[in-house]
Amino acid sequence: MVSFPVAVSKIIEGVAWVKHESLLSGSEWGVRIIIEFDGPVFDPAPVCYAAHQAAATDVGWSRLDRATFRRLMRTKGKQADFLPGAKPAKIAEYDRRFAEHIESDALLAAYGPQPEVRETLAQLARVASCSLMTAGSNVDGRRVALEKHGLAAFSEQFEGVESDPRRRPAQLRRLGEGDPRTLVAAATDSLIRSAVEAELFAVGIASGGCSVARLHQAGANVVYKELHELAESFRNGAADLIGAGLLPPSLDPPR
């Protein structure tokens, strides 16, 4: 974890605040934001629960109710809790089936965006250079969902994270193009940890599969309940981001 003085000095170094006419030609704040697709942008809860229902049915086991399933997902419950009373072999088969269903084109076709996320992405794209990434393996299926809902225009690129967590920090640094003013807005604790290891600024978004506590425990510098709160912070002068050392206090917001 970088210290507050180092964080501020890294951000200030080389900063040039330049306004651009087009949506994606640059950043008014001089900031890059890498946003996780699953959670901040699209709501994974219905798709995850549908995958659970299908996988439990596949292995001939009873399904959890929606509220219990969501609680276990967000608090990182034990795998055995998702299939109460099942033996290890049955749980392993359930895990395999769940992974297949959650990445299937059929379920991803039903993926829906978070409320008002179009306006949120438009606001962020006006103040920062935005990229999207996902820990899911079916990037093409998510890209179809992004285009289906008319949201592809708000990000410069969209790619999957490395399957090996040890390689993810280098990937995040590459996506940030070495810019120390890069923020990673993620809903999964694993991606938050990778951002911290990459010495980028980790912004937790608690609208996905992790609770606020899990995102803080993973090392997030600041946590918001929804992505639109990050956009509102920029719009209102980013006092909370400045307080967390994510932006330099010596520079005024763009007018």
Protein backbone atom coordinates (compact mmCIF):
# COMPACT_ATOMS: atom_id res chain seq x y z
CA MET A 1 0.00 0.00 0.00
CA VAL A 2 1.41 3.39 -0.93
CA SER A 3 1.48 6.04 1.79
CA PHE A 4 -0.57 9.21 1.62
CA PRO A 5 2.38 11.57 0.86
CA VAL A 6 3.70 9.23 -1.83
CA ALA A 7 0.20 8.85 -3.25
CA VAL A 8 -0.30 12.58 -3.58
CA SER A 9 3.16 13.18 -5.03
CA LYS A 10 2.64 10.41 -7.60
CA ILE A 11 -0.66 11.93 -8.68
CA ILE A 12 0.62 15.49 -8.90
CA GLU A 13 3.74 14.53 -10.84
CA GLY A 14 3.37 15.55 -14.45
CA VAL A 15 -0.31 16.51 -14.14
CA ALA A 16 -1.68 18.60 -16.98
CA TRP A 17 -5.38 19.42 -16.87
CA VAL A 18 -6.64 19.63 -20.43
CA LYS A 19 -10.28 19.78 -21.55
CA HIS A 20 -11.28 17.97 -24.72
CA GLU A 21 -14.27 18.28 -26.97
CA SER A 22 -15.05 14.62 -27.66
CA LEU A 23 -16.39 12.16 -25.10
CA LEU A 24 -13.39 9.84 -25.07
CA SER A 25 -10.56 12.03 -26.35
CA GLY A 26 -9.25 12.76 -22.87
CA SER A 27 -9.91 13.54 -19.24
CA GLU A 28 -10.79 16.86 -17.64
CA TRP A 29 -9.32 15.58 -14.37
CA GLY A 30 -6.31 13.87 -15.93
CA VAL A 31 -7.45 10.55 -14.42
CA ARG A 32 -7.84 7.03 -15.78
CA ILE A 33 -10.54 4.73 -14.42
CA ILE A 34 -10.57 0.97 -14.95
CA ILE A 35 -14.09 -0.22 -14.13
CA GLU A 36 -15.12 -3.79 -13.46
CA PHE A 37 -18.03 -4.86 -15.69
CA ASP A 38 -19.66 -7.27 -13.22
CA GLY A 39 -21.15 -5.30 -10.34
CA PRO A 40 -20.44 -1.63 -11.02
CA VAL A 41 -21.88 -1.64 -14.55
CA PHE A 42 -24.07 -4.75 -14.86
CA ASP A 43 -26.03 -6.33 -12.00
CA PRO A 44 -24.70 -9.89 -11.45
CA ALA A 45 -27.24 -10.91 -8.80
CA PRO A 46 -30.02 -12.27 -11.08
CA VAL A 47 -27.54 -14.10 -13.31
CA CYS A 48 -25.66 -15.62 -10.36
CA TYR A 49 -28.88 -16.84 -8.78
CA ALA A 50 -30.08 -18.30 -12.09
CA ALA A 51 -26.74 -20.14 -12.36
CA HIS A 52 -27.19 -21.47 -8.82
CA GLN A 53 -30.70 -22.70 -9.57
CA ALA A 54 -29.55 -24.44 -12.75
CA ALA A 55 -26.47 -26.01 -11.13
CA ALA A 56 -28.40 -27.25 -8.08
CA THR A 57 -31.01 -28.78 -10.36
CA ASP A 58 -28.28 -30.42 -12.46
CA VAL A 59 -26.89 -32.25 -9.42
CA GLY A 60 -30.32 -33.07 -8.02
CA TRP A 61 -30.14 -30.88 -4.92
CA SER A 62 -32.48 -28.34 -3.37
CA ARG A 63 -31.94 -24.69 -4.20
CA LEU A 64 -31.33 -21.90 -1.72
CA ASP A 65 -33.77 -19.04 -1.56
CA ARG A 66 -32.60 -15.86 -3.28
CA ALA A 67 -31.88 -13.90 -0.08
CA THR A 68 -29.77 -16.66 1.47
CA PHE A 69 -27.82 -17.17 -1.72
CA ARG A 70 -27.04 -13.45 -2.05
CA ARG A 71 -25.94 -13.22 1.59
CA LEU A 72 -23.55 -16.15 1.15
CA MET A 73 -22.15 -14.69 -2.07
CA ARG A 74 -21.49 -11.27 -0.58
CA THR A 75 -19.98 -12.57 2.67
CA LYS A 76 -17.96 -15.33 0.95
CA GLY A 77 -19.74 -18.23 2.55
CA LYS A 78 -18.21 -21.68 2.45
CA GLN A 79 -18.85 -23.68 -0.73
CA ALA A 80 -20.64 -26.33 1.32
CA ASP A 81 -23.17 -23.70 2.45
CA PHE A 82 -24.45 -23.34 -1.10
CA LEU A 83 -25.41 -27.02 -1.14
CA PRO A 84 -26.35 -27.81 2.50
CA GLY A 85 -25.82 -31.43 3.47
CA ALA A 86 -24.11 -32.45 0.23
CA LYS A 87 -20.95 -34.55 0.13
CA PRO A 88 -17.68 -33.14 -1.30
CA ALA A 89 -18.08 -34.90 -4.65
CA LYS A 90 -21.54 -33.41 -5.11
CA ILE A 91 -20.28 -29.96 -4.15
CA ALA A 92 -17.42 -30.23 -6.65
CA GLU A 93 -19.87 -31.15 -9.40
CA TYR A 94 -22.12 -28.25 -8.41
CA ASP A 95 -19.15 -25.85 -8.59
CA ARG A 96 -18.29 -27.07 -12.07
CA ARG A 97 -21.87 -26.76 -13.29
CA PHE A 98 -22.24 -23.31 -11.71
CA ALA A 99 -19.10 -22.07 -13.50
CA GLU A 100 -20.45 -23.36 -16.81
CA HIS A 101 -23.85 -21.75 -16.37
CA ILE A 102 -22.58 -18.37 -15.15
CA GLU A 103 -20.45 -17.96 -18.28
CA SER A 104 -23.00 -19.33 -20.77
CA ASP A 105 -24.20 -17.12 -23.62
CA ALA A 106 -27.78 -17.89 -22.59
CA LEU A 107 -27.44 -16.41 -19.11
CA LEU A 108 -25.24 -13.51 -20.20
CA ALA A 109 -27.90 -12.58 -22.75
CA ALA A 110 -30.18 -11.87 -19.79
CA TYR A 111 -27.57 -9.70 -18.05
CA GLY A 112 -29.05 -6.29 -17.23
CA PRO A 113 -27.27 -3.00 -16.46
CA GLN A 114 -27.41 -1.28 -13.11
CA PRO A 115 -30.07 1.46 -12.80
CA GLU A 116 -29.07 4.74 -14.49
CA VAL A 117 -25.62 3.37 -15.36
CA ARG A 118 -25.74 5.04 -18.80
CA GLU A 119 -25.80 8.47 -17.18
CA THR A 120 -23.11 7.40 -14.71
CA LEU A 121 -20.74 6.17 -17.43
CA ALA A 122 -21.37 9.31 -19.47
CA GLN A 123 -20.43 11.46 -16.47
CA LEU A 124 -17.26 9.47 -15.79
CA ALA A 125 -16.26 9.51 -19.46
CA ARG A 126 -16.41 13.31 -19.40
CA VAL A 127 -13.92 13.54 -16.53
CA ALA A 128 -11.72 10.50 -17.08
CA SER A 129 -10.43 8.03 -19.64
CA CYS A 130 -12.48 4.89 -18.91
CA SER A 131 -11.78 1.21 -19.57
CA LEU A 132 -13.81 -1.87 -18.66
CA MET A 133 -12.61 -5.28 -17.55
CA THR A 134 -14.12 -8.51 -16.26
CA ALA A 135 -12.93 -11.51 -14.28
CA GLY A 136 -15.41 -13.63 -16.23
CA SER A 137 -14.16 -15.91 -18.99
CA ASN A 138 -16.89 -15.08 -21.52
CA VAL A 139 -15.75 -11.62 -22.53
CA ASP A 140 -17.53 -11.81 -25.90
CA GLY A 141 -20.84 -12.57 -24.19
CA ARG A 142 -20.45 -9.54 -21.94
CA ARG A 143 -19.43 -7.39 -24.88
CA VAL A 144 -22.67 -8.37 -26.64
CA ALA A 145 -24.63 -7.31 -23.53
CA LEU A 146 -22.72 -4.03 -23.43
CA GLU A 147 -23.56 -3.28 -27.06
CA LYS A 148 -27.15 -4.49 -26.68
CA HIS A 149 -27.76 -1.85 -24.02
CA GLY A 150 -25.88 0.89 -25.90
CA LEU A 151 -23.08 1.25 -23.37
CA ALA A 152 -20.03 0.33 -25.45
CA ALA A 153 -19.32 3.93 -26.47
CA PHE A 154 -18.42 5.01 -22.95
CA SER A 155 -15.21 2.96 -22.62
CA GLU A 156 -12.01 3.01 -24.63
CA GLN A 157 -11.40 -0.72 -24.25
CA PHE A 158 -12.86 -3.84 -22.68
CA GLU A 159 -10.94 -6.99 -21.84
CA GLY A 160 -10.81 -9.91 -19.44
CA VAL A 161 -8.39 -10.10 -16.55
CA GLU A 162 -5.62 -12.65 -16.48
CA SER A 163 -6.79 -16.01 -15.14
CA ASP A 164 -3.66 -16.18 -12.98
CA PRO A 165 -4.06 -13.62 -10.17
CA ARG A 166 -0.27 -13.23 -9.98
CA ARG A 167 -0.26 -11.67 -13.45
CA ARG A 168 -3.14 -9.28 -12.85
CA PRO A 169 -1.16 -6.39 -11.26
CA ALA A 170 1.02 -6.13 -14.37
CA GLN A 171 -2.08 -6.20 -16.55
CA LEU A 172 -3.68 -3.38 -14.56
CA ARG A 173 -0.51 -1.31 -14.80
CA ARG A 174 -0.52 -1.85 -18.57
CA LEU A 175 -4.17 -0.82 -18.85
CA GLY A 176 -3.30 2.30 -16.86
CA GLU A 177 -0.43 2.92 -19.30
CA GLY A 178 1.85 3.61 -16.37
CA ASP A 179 -0.24 6.60 -15.28
CA PRO A 180 -0.10 6.93 -11.46
CA ARG A 181 -3.47 8.71 -11.57
CA THR A 182 -5.23 5.46 -12.44
CA LEU A 183 -8.21 4.37 -10.32
CA VAL A 184 -9.54 0.80 -10.35
CA ALA A 185 -13.27 0.70 -9.51
CA ALA A 186 -14.04 -2.93 -8.70
CA ALA A 187 -16.72 -5.01 -7.00
CA THR A 188 -14.60 -8.10 -6.33
CA ASP A 189 -12.05 -8.38 -3.55
CA SER A 190 -9.58 -10.22 -5.78
CA LEU A 191 -9.42 -7.32 -8.25
CA ILE A 192 -9.10 -4.82 -5.41
CA ARG A 193 -6.11 -6.78 -4.07
CA SER A 194 -4.54 -6.81 -7.54
CA ALA A 195 -4.99 -3.04 -7.82
CA VAL A 196 -3.32 -2.51 -4.44
CA GLU A 197 -0.44 -4.77 -5.45
CA ALA A 198 -0.09 -2.78 -8.68
CA GLU A 199 0.12 0.41 -6.55
CA LEU A 200 -2.99 1.81 -8.21
CA PHE A 201 -5.83 3.41 -6.31
CA ALA A 202 -8.50 0.89 -5.41
CA VAL A 203 -12.12 2.09 -5.29
CA GLY A 204 -14.53 -0.54 -4.00
CA ILE A 205 -18.04 -0.64 -5.47
CA ALA A 206 -20.37 -2.69 -3.24
CA SER A 207 -23.05 -3.37 -5.86
CA GLY A 208 -21.65 -6.74 -6.88
CA GLY A 209 -20.65 -9.95 -5.13
CA CYS A 210 -18.76 -8.43 -2.18
CA SER A 211 -19.91 -6.62 0.92
CA VAL A 212 -18.48 -3.25 1.99
CA ALA A 213 -16.48 -4.99 4.72
CA ARG A 214 -14.87 -7.45 2.27
CA LEU A 215 -13.83 -4.63 -0.06
CA HIS A 216 -12.25 -2.70 2.81
CA GLN A 217 -10.49 -5.86 4.01
CA ALA A 218 -9.09 -6.35 0.51
CA GLY A 219 -7.42 -2.94 0.75
CA ALA A 220 -9.79 -0.54 -1.01
CA ASN A 221 -8.81 3.10 -0.41
CA VAL A 222 -12.47 4.11 -0.46
CA VAL A 223 -15.73 2.17 -0.93
CA TYR A 224 -18.98 3.34 -2.50
CA LYS A 225 -22.28 1.48 -2.56
CA GLU A 226 -22.86 2.25 -6.25
CA LEU A 227 -20.76 3.46 -9.18
CA HIS A 228 -22.85 6.63 -9.50
CA GLU A 229 -21.47 7.77 -6.13
CA LEU A 230 -18.00 7.89 -7.69
CA ALA A 231 -19.35 10.00 -10.54
CA GLU A 232 -21.09 12.29 -8.05
CA SER A 233 -17.84 12.69 -6.14
CA PHE A 234 -16.08 14.01 -9.24
CA ARG A 235 -19.01 16.27 -10.03
CA ASN A 236 -19.05 17.72 -6.51
CA GLY A 237 -15.31 18.39 -6.28
CA ALA A 238 -14.13 14.94 -5.17
CA ALA A 239 -13.56 15.93 -1.54
CA ASP A 240 -13.74 12.29 -0.40
CA LEU A 241 -11.26 11.18 -3.08
CA ILE A 242 -8.91 14.01 -2.15
CA GLY A 243 -9.24 13.04 1.51
CA ALA A 244 -8.30 9.47 0.64
CA GLY A 245 -5.25 10.68 -1.26
CA LEU A 246 -6.65 9.70 -4.66
CA LEU A 247 -6.56 13.23 -6.07
CA PRO A 248 -4.29 16.19 -5.32
CA PRO A 249 -5.83 18.79 -2.99
CA SER A 250 -3.91 21.60 -4.68
CA LEU A 251 -5.85 21.43 -7.94
CA ASP A 252 -9.36 22.72 -8.45
CA PRO A 253 -11.99 20.64 -10.27
CA PRO A 254 -12.59 21.51 -13.93
CA ARG A 255 -15.15 24.19 -14.66
